[in-house]
Every structure is written in structure tokens, then in C-alpha cells.
Protein backbone atom coordinates (compact mmCIF):
# COMPACT_ATOMS: atom_id res chain seq x y z
CA MET A 1 -6.33 -5.29 16.13
CA ALA A 2 -4.58 -6.12 12.84
CA GLU A 3 -5.21 -2.60 11.56
CA LEU A 4 -3.54 -1.13 14.64
CA ALA A 5 -0.53 -3.44 14.23
CA LEU A 6 -0.19 -2.41 10.58
CA LYS A 7 -0.28 1.30 11.43
CA GLN A 8 2.26 0.80 14.20
CA ALA A 9 4.62 -1.08 11.85
CA TYR A 10 4.22 1.68 9.24
CA TRP A 11 5.22 4.45 11.66
CA GLN A 12 8.00 2.40 13.28
CA THR A 13 9.51 1.77 9.85
CA LEU A 14 9.49 5.47 9.00
CA ALA A 15 10.84 6.37 12.46
CA SER A 16 13.76 3.98 11.95
CA GLY A 17 14.78 5.89 8.80
CA ASN A 18 13.44 3.44 6.21
CA SER A 19 10.87 4.00 3.48
CA VAL A 20 7.50 2.29 3.03
CA LEU A 21 5.35 1.50 -0.01
CA GLU A 22 1.80 2.77 -0.23
CA ARG A 23 -0.90 2.57 -2.89
CA HIS A 24 -3.22 5.47 -3.62
CA GLY A 25 -5.67 4.94 -6.44
CA GLY A 26 -3.78 3.19 -9.21
CA ILE A 27 -0.28 4.34 -8.24
CA ILE A 28 2.29 2.79 -5.90
CA TYR A 29 4.42 5.33 -4.03
CA GLU A 30 7.55 5.00 -1.96
CA ILE A 31 7.14 7.20 1.13
CA PHE A 32 10.31 8.47 2.81
CA PRO A 33 10.78 9.45 6.47
CA ASP A 34 10.96 13.15 5.53
CA GLY A 35 7.46 12.92 3.98
CA THR A 36 8.47 12.98 0.32
CA LYS A 37 6.86 10.58 -2.17
CA LYS A 38 8.38 8.88 -5.20
CA THR A 39 6.14 7.28 -7.83
CA ILE A 40 7.15 3.66 -8.29
CA LYS A 41 4.56 2.18 -10.63
CA GLU A 42 1.05 2.58 -12.00
CA VAL A 43 -1.14 -0.48 -11.39
CA GLU A 44 -4.61 -1.55 -12.41
CA PRO A 45 -7.37 -0.71 -9.97
CA PRO A 46 -8.66 -3.56 -7.80
CA THR A 47 -11.27 -5.86 -9.32
CA PRO A 48 -14.52 -5.60 -7.37
CA VAL A 49 -15.97 -9.00 -6.49
CA THR A 50 -18.95 -10.19 -4.50
CA ILE A 51 -18.94 -13.03 -2.02
CA GLY A 52 -19.11 -16.35 -3.84
CA GLN A 53 -18.20 -14.88 -7.22
CA LYS A 54 -15.62 -16.81 -9.21
CA ILE A 55 -13.19 -15.01 -11.49
CA THR A 56 -10.57 -16.28 -13.91
CA ILE A 57 -7.12 -14.75 -13.83
CA PRO A 58 -5.44 -14.92 -17.25
């Protein structure tokens, strides 16, 4: 149900004329209502963890 709400909010935001942020791979994009993309920032890929694993964030 949360996934559906997120998708609905995404499309409602674009339909209202505002942009949304989206991450693909290691890049954050700003998506505009006309379908164009603007690169905002390159980020590190997610850190894979297993259940119960403890990690230290520097």
C-alpha cells in the first residue's frame, strides 16, 4: 500500500507542475513535468547489509 501511495504522490507532483527527485544508480536527477532530467549530484551506491549486521558510519 505504501508503494502505491508513493507512486501516486510522484505523479500528482508532476501533474501539478512541480519537479521530483529520483535516484538511478549513483546519480540523483531532478525530473520535470515535461519529462526532461537534470543531473543534480553523484552519490555513493547503497551499502549492502544483512539482517543483524552492524556497521560503523564515519
